[in-house]
Amino acid sequence: MSNPDFSLVVAIVQVGHSNAVIKIAQGLGAGGGTIVFGRGSSVRSASSILGVSVEPGKELIYIVAKKSIVPKLMQLVTESCNLNEPGTGLIFSLPLEAVSGLDA
């Protein structure tokens, strides 16, 4: 186990956008990511069809990336997935104390 200069980037996007997020990350040098499916509970993302509540699906993408690429990664994902629009998702990063199992 080492103490590398890595961050965990978490992107929560609408269903169907995870491939774009992974391609952006790989293009910047990250090895890939883990995709988990979920559902949103935001007041903004709640909608209904004929009075029946529809819970929007979300994809959560976890990417371990070098800190040096995180700002660009977050910028490109924000633009690609329209994350500046309400209810479309979000992206954030967390510092990692230790990581093992990477080829970096």
N, C-alpha and C. Protein backbone atom coordinates (compact mmCIF):
# COMPACT_ATOMS: atom_id res chain seq x y z
N MET A 1 0.85 -1.18 0.00
CA MET A 1 0.00 0.00 0.00
C MET A 1 0.89 1.23 0.00
N SER A 2 0.50 2.20 -0.79
CA SER A 2 1.31 3.40 -0.89
C SER A 2 0.48 4.64 -0.60
N ASN A 3 1.11 5.76 -0.52
CA ASN A 3 0.44 7.03 -0.30
C ASN A 3 0.62 7.89 -1.55
N PRO A 4 -0.02 7.52 -2.66
CA PRO A 4 0.17 8.23 -3.92
C PRO A 4 -0.61 9.53 -3.98
N ASP A 5 -0.39 10.23 -5.03
CA ASP A 5 -1.04 11.50 -5.27
C ASP A 5 -2.30 11.28 -6.09
N PHE A 6 -3.29 10.58 -5.50
CA PHE A 6 -4.52 10.22 -6.20
C PHE A 6 -5.75 10.80 -5.50
N SER A 7 -6.81 10.96 -6.30
CA SER A 7 -8.11 11.36 -5.78
C SER A 7 -9.15 10.37 -6.28
N LEU A 8 -10.25 10.29 -5.57
CA LEU A 8 -11.41 9.55 -6.03
C LEU A 8 -12.38 10.56 -6.62
N VAL A 9 -12.71 10.39 -7.88
CA VAL A 9 -13.68 11.24 -8.54
C VAL A 9 -14.98 10.45 -8.62
N VAL A 10 -16.06 11.06 -8.15
CA VAL A 10 -17.38 10.45 -8.19
C VAL A 10 -18.27 11.30 -9.08
N ALA A 11 -18.78 10.70 -10.14
CA ALA A 11 -19.72 11.39 -11.03
C ALA A 11 -21.06 10.70 -10.91
N ILE A 12 -22.10 11.48 -10.70
CA ILE A 12 -23.47 10.97 -10.67
C ILE A 12 -24.17 11.60 -11.85
N VAL A 13 -24.51 10.78 -12.83
CA VAL A 13 -25.04 11.29 -14.10
C VAL A 13 -26.32 10.55 -14.47
N GLN A 14 -27.03 11.10 -15.44
CA GLN A 14 -28.23 10.45 -15.94
C GLN A 14 -27.86 9.15 -16.64
N VAL A 15 -28.79 8.20 -16.62
CA VAL A 15 -28.56 6.91 -17.27
C VAL A 15 -28.19 7.14 -18.74
N GLY A 16 -27.16 6.42 -19.17
CA GLY A 16 -26.71 6.51 -20.55
C GLY A 16 -25.48 7.37 -20.75
N HIS A 17 -25.06 8.11 -19.71
CA HIS A 17 -23.91 9.00 -19.84
C HIS A 17 -22.62 8.42 -19.28
N SER A 18 -22.68 7.24 -18.67
CA SER A 18 -21.48 6.70 -18.03
C SER A 18 -20.37 6.38 -19.03
N ASN A 19 -20.71 5.93 -20.22
CA ASN A 19 -19.68 5.63 -21.22
C ASN A 19 -18.90 6.88 -21.60
N ALA A 20 -19.58 8.00 -21.72
CA ALA A 20 -18.89 9.26 -22.03
C ALA A 20 -17.94 9.64 -20.90
N VAL A 21 -18.36 9.45 -19.66
CA VAL A 21 -17.51 9.77 -18.51
C VAL A 21 -16.26 8.90 -18.51
N ILE A 22 -16.42 7.60 -18.74
CA ILE A 22 -15.29 6.68 -18.77
C ILE A 22 -14.33 7.03 -19.92
N LYS A 23 -14.86 7.36 -21.09
CA LYS A 23 -14.00 7.74 -22.23
C LYS A 23 -13.19 8.99 -21.93
N ILE A 24 -13.81 9.96 -21.28
CA ILE A 24 -13.10 11.19 -20.90
C ILE A 24 -11.98 10.85 -19.93
N ALA A 25 -12.28 10.04 -18.92
CA ALA A 25 -11.27 9.68 -17.92
C ALA A 25 -10.11 8.93 -18.56
N GLN A 26 -10.40 7.97 -19.42
CA GLN A 26 -9.35 7.21 -20.09
C GLN A 26 -8.53 8.10 -21.01
N GLY A 27 -9.17 9.04 -21.68
CA GLY A 27 -8.47 9.97 -22.55
C GLY A 27 -7.49 10.85 -21.81
N LEU A 28 -7.75 11.09 -20.53
CA LEU A 28 -6.86 11.91 -19.71
C LEU A 28 -5.81 11.08 -18.97
N GLY A 29 -5.89 9.75 -19.10
CA GLY A 29 -4.88 8.92 -18.49
C GLY A 29 -5.33 8.08 -17.31
N ALA A 30 -6.59 8.21 -16.91
CA ALA A 30 -7.10 7.35 -15.84
C ALA A 30 -7.36 5.96 -16.43
N GLY A 31 -7.20 4.93 -15.62
CA GLY A 31 -7.33 3.57 -16.12
C GLY A 31 -8.75 3.14 -16.42
N GLY A 32 -9.74 3.81 -15.91
CA GLY A 32 -11.13 3.42 -16.09
C GLY A 32 -11.92 3.76 -14.86
N GLY A 33 -13.02 3.09 -14.66
CA GLY A 33 -13.85 3.39 -13.50
C GLY A 33 -14.80 2.26 -13.20
N THR A 34 -15.54 2.42 -12.13
CA THR A 34 -16.56 1.47 -11.72
C THR A 34 -17.91 2.16 -11.82
N ILE A 35 -18.86 1.50 -12.47
CA ILE A 35 -20.19 2.07 -12.68
C ILE A 35 -21.19 1.33 -11.80
N VAL A 36 -21.98 2.10 -11.06
CA VAL A 36 -23.01 1.56 -10.19
C VAL A 36 -24.31 2.25 -10.56
N PHE A 37 -25.39 1.49 -10.63
CA PHE A 37 -26.69 2.07 -10.96
C PHE A 37 -27.44 2.43 -9.69
N GLY A 38 -28.17 3.55 -9.74
CA GLY A 38 -28.93 3.99 -8.59
C GLY A 38 -30.16 4.77 -9.03
N ARG A 39 -30.81 5.39 -8.07
CA ARG A 39 -31.95 6.23 -8.40
C ARG A 39 -31.85 7.52 -7.61
N GLY A 40 -32.33 8.59 -8.21
CA GLY A 40 -32.23 9.89 -7.59
C GLY A 40 -33.37 10.14 -6.62
N SER A 41 -33.12 11.02 -5.66
CA SER A 41 -34.17 11.40 -4.73
C SER A 41 -34.27 12.91 -4.59
N SER A 42 -33.63 13.63 -5.51
CA SER A 42 -33.64 15.09 -5.48
C SER A 42 -35.04 15.61 -5.78
N VAL A 43 -35.43 16.68 -5.10
CA VAL A 43 -36.72 17.31 -5.36
C VAL A 43 -36.75 17.81 -6.80
N ARG A 44 -35.64 18.29 -7.29
CA ARG A 44 -35.58 18.81 -8.66
C ARG A 44 -35.77 17.73 -9.70
N SER A 45 -35.30 16.52 -9.42
CA SER A 45 -35.35 15.47 -10.43
C SER A 45 -36.64 14.65 -10.38
N ALA A 46 -37.48 14.90 -9.38
CA ALA A 46 -38.74 14.16 -9.29
C ALA A 46 -39.69 14.64 -10.37
N SER A 47 -40.37 13.70 -11.00
CA SER A 47 -41.35 14.06 -12.01
C SER A 47 -42.48 13.05 -11.95
N SER A 48 -43.54 13.33 -12.68
CA SER A 48 -44.64 12.40 -12.72
C SER A 48 -45.23 12.35 -14.12
N ILE A 49 -45.81 11.20 -14.42
CA ILE A 49 -46.51 11.02 -15.68
C ILE A 49 -47.92 10.59 -15.32
N LEU A 50 -48.90 11.41 -15.71
CA LEU A 50 -50.30 11.14 -15.38
C LEU A 50 -50.50 10.92 -13.89
N GLY A 51 -49.78 11.69 -13.09
CA GLY A 51 -49.91 11.62 -11.64
C GLY A 51 -49.14 10.50 -10.96
N VAL A 52 -48.43 9.69 -11.73
CA VAL A 52 -47.64 8.61 -11.16
C VAL A 52 -46.20 9.07 -11.05
N SER A 53 -45.65 8.98 -9.85
CA SER A 53 -44.28 9.44 -9.62
C SER A 53 -43.28 8.57 -10.39
N VAL A 54 -42.33 9.22 -11.05
CA VAL A 54 -41.28 8.52 -11.79
C VAL A 54 -39.96 8.87 -11.14
N GLU A 55 -39.25 7.87 -10.64
CA GLU A 55 -37.96 8.10 -10.01
C GLU A 55 -36.88 7.96 -11.07
N PRO A 56 -36.12 9.02 -11.30
CA PRO A 56 -35.10 8.98 -12.35
C PRO A 56 -33.93 8.07 -12.00
N GLY A 57 -33.47 7.30 -12.98
CA GLY A 57 -32.30 6.46 -12.78
C GLY A 57 -31.03 7.27 -12.88
N LYS A 58 -30.03 6.87 -12.17
CA LYS A 58 -28.72 7.53 -12.20
C LYS A 58 -27.63 6.49 -12.34
N GLU A 59 -26.51 6.91 -12.86
CA GLU A 59 -25.31 6.09 -12.91
C GLU A 59 -24.25 6.78 -12.08
N LEU A 60 -23.64 6.04 -11.17
CA LEU A 60 -22.57 6.57 -10.33
C LEU A 60 -21.28 5.97 -10.86
N ILE A 61 -20.33 6.82 -11.18
CA ILE A 61 -19.05 6.37 -11.72
C ILE A 61 -17.96 6.76 -10.73
N TYR A 62 -17.21 5.75 -10.27
CA TYR A 62 -16.09 5.96 -9.35
C TYR A 62 -14.80 5.80 -10.14
N ILE A 63 -13.96 6.84 -10.11
CA ILE A 63 -12.71 6.84 -10.86
C ILE A 63 -11.57 7.24 -9.92
N VAL A 64 -10.54 6.40 -9.85
CA VAL A 64 -9.32 6.77 -9.13
C VAL A 64 -8.39 7.39 -10.16
N ALA A 65 -8.02 8.65 -9.93
CA ALA A 65 -7.23 9.39 -10.91
C ALA A 65 -6.14 10.19 -10.22
N LYS A 66 -5.06 10.43 -10.95
CA LYS A 66 -4.00 11.30 -10.43
C LYS A 66 -4.58 12.70 -10.22
N LYS A 67 -4.19 13.31 -9.12
CA LYS A 67 -4.72 14.63 -8.78
C LYS A 67 -4.49 15.66 -9.88
N SER A 68 -3.44 15.49 -10.64
CA SER A 68 -3.11 16.47 -11.68
C SER A 68 -4.15 16.52 -12.80
N ILE A 69 -4.90 15.44 -13.01
CA ILE A 69 -5.89 15.45 -14.09
C ILE A 69 -7.32 15.71 -13.59
N VAL A 70 -7.51 15.75 -12.29
CA VAL A 70 -8.86 15.88 -11.73
C VAL A 70 -9.57 17.17 -12.17
N PRO A 71 -8.96 18.34 -12.14
CA PRO A 71 -9.69 19.54 -12.57
C PRO A 71 -10.18 19.44 -14.02
N LYS A 72 -9.33 18.96 -14.92
CA LYS A 72 -9.72 18.83 -16.33
C LYS A 72 -10.80 17.77 -16.49
N LEU A 73 -10.66 16.66 -15.79
CA LEU A 73 -11.66 15.59 -15.82
C LEU A 73 -13.02 16.12 -15.39
N MET A 74 -13.05 16.85 -14.29
CA MET A 74 -14.32 17.38 -13.78
C MET A 74 -14.91 18.40 -14.75
N GLN A 75 -14.08 19.24 -15.34
CA GLN A 75 -14.55 20.22 -16.31
C GLN A 75 -15.17 19.54 -17.53
N LEU A 76 -14.47 18.56 -18.10
CA LEU A 76 -14.96 17.90 -19.31
C LEU A 76 -16.24 17.09 -19.04
N VAL A 77 -16.32 16.43 -17.89
CA VAL A 77 -17.54 15.68 -17.56
C VAL A 77 -18.70 16.64 -17.33
N THR A 78 -18.45 17.74 -16.66
CA THR A 78 -19.49 18.74 -16.43
C THR A 78 -20.05 19.23 -17.76
N GLU A 79 -19.17 19.53 -18.71
CA GLU A 79 -19.61 20.01 -20.02
C GLU A 79 -20.33 18.91 -20.81
N SER A 80 -19.75 17.71 -20.83
CA SER A 80 -20.30 16.61 -21.61
C SER A 80 -21.67 16.16 -21.12
N CYS A 81 -21.87 16.17 -19.82
CA CYS A 81 -23.13 15.67 -19.23
C CYS A 81 -24.07 16.80 -18.81
N ASN A 82 -23.75 18.03 -19.17
CA ASN A 82 -24.58 19.20 -18.83
C ASN A 82 -24.88 19.29 -17.34
N LEU A 83 -23.86 19.08 -16.52
CA LEU A 83 -24.08 19.06 -15.07
C LEU A 83 -24.38 20.43 -14.48
N ASN A 84 -24.26 21.49 -15.27
CA ASN A 84 -24.64 22.81 -14.79
C ASN A 84 -26.15 23.01 -14.82
N GLU A 85 -26.87 22.07 -15.45
CA GLU A 85 -28.34 22.13 -15.50
C GLU A 85 -28.91 21.44 -14.26
N PRO A 86 -29.91 22.03 -13.62
CA PRO A 86 -30.50 21.42 -12.42
C PRO A 86 -31.03 20.01 -12.69
N GLY A 87 -30.78 19.09 -11.76
CA GLY A 87 -31.32 17.75 -11.83
C GLY A 87 -30.60 16.78 -12.74
N THR A 88 -29.48 17.21 -13.34
CA THR A 88 -28.78 16.33 -14.28
C THR A 88 -27.70 15.49 -13.61
N GLY A 89 -27.28 15.85 -12.42
CA GLY A 89 -26.26 15.10 -11.72
C GLY A 89 -25.22 16.01 -11.10
N LEU A 90 -24.13 15.42 -10.65
CA LEU A 90 -23.03 16.20 -10.08
C LEU A 90 -21.75 15.39 -10.15
N ILE A 91 -20.66 16.08 -9.88
CA ILE A 91 -19.34 15.44 -9.84
C ILE A 91 -18.54 16.07 -8.71
N PHE A 92 -17.79 15.24 -8.00
CA PHE A 92 -16.95 15.76 -6.92
C PHE A 92 -15.75 14.84 -6.77
N SER A 93 -14.74 15.32 -6.04
CA SER A 93 -13.55 14.50 -5.81
C SER A 93 -13.22 14.49 -4.32
N LEU A 94 -12.56 13.40 -3.93
CA LEU A 94 -12.12 13.22 -2.55
C LEU A 94 -10.66 12.80 -2.56
N PRO A 95 -9.85 13.33 -1.64
CA PRO A 95 -8.45 12.90 -1.58
C PRO A 95 -8.37 11.46 -1.05
N LEU A 96 -7.41 10.71 -1.53
CA LEU A 96 -7.18 9.35 -1.05
C LEU A 96 -5.91 9.30 -0.22
N GLU A 97 -5.96 8.68 0.93
CA GLU A 97 -4.80 8.54 1.78
C GLU A 97 -3.87 7.46 1.27
N ALA A 98 -4.45 6.36 0.84
CA ALA A 98 -3.64 5.22 0.39
C ALA A 98 -4.39 4.46 -0.67
N VAL A 99 -3.63 3.90 -1.62
CA VAL A 99 -4.21 3.13 -2.71
C VAL A 99 -3.29 1.94 -2.98
N SER A 100 -3.90 0.79 -3.21
CA SER A 100 -3.11 -0.34 -3.69
C SER A 100 -3.85 -1.00 -4.83
N GLY A 101 -3.13 -1.70 -5.68
CA GLY A 101 -3.76 -2.38 -6.79
C GLY A 101 -3.75 -1.62 -8.09
N LEU A 102 -3.09 -0.49 -8.12
CA LEU A 102 -2.99 0.29 -9.36
C LEU A 102 -1.67 0.02 -10.06
N ASP A 103 -1.69 0.15 -11.37
CA ASP A 103 -0.48 0.00 -12.16
C ASP A 103 0.27 1.32 -12.33
N ALA A 104 -0.29 2.38 -11.79
CA ALA A 104 0.28 3.72 -12.01
C ALA A 104 1.55 3.94 -11.21
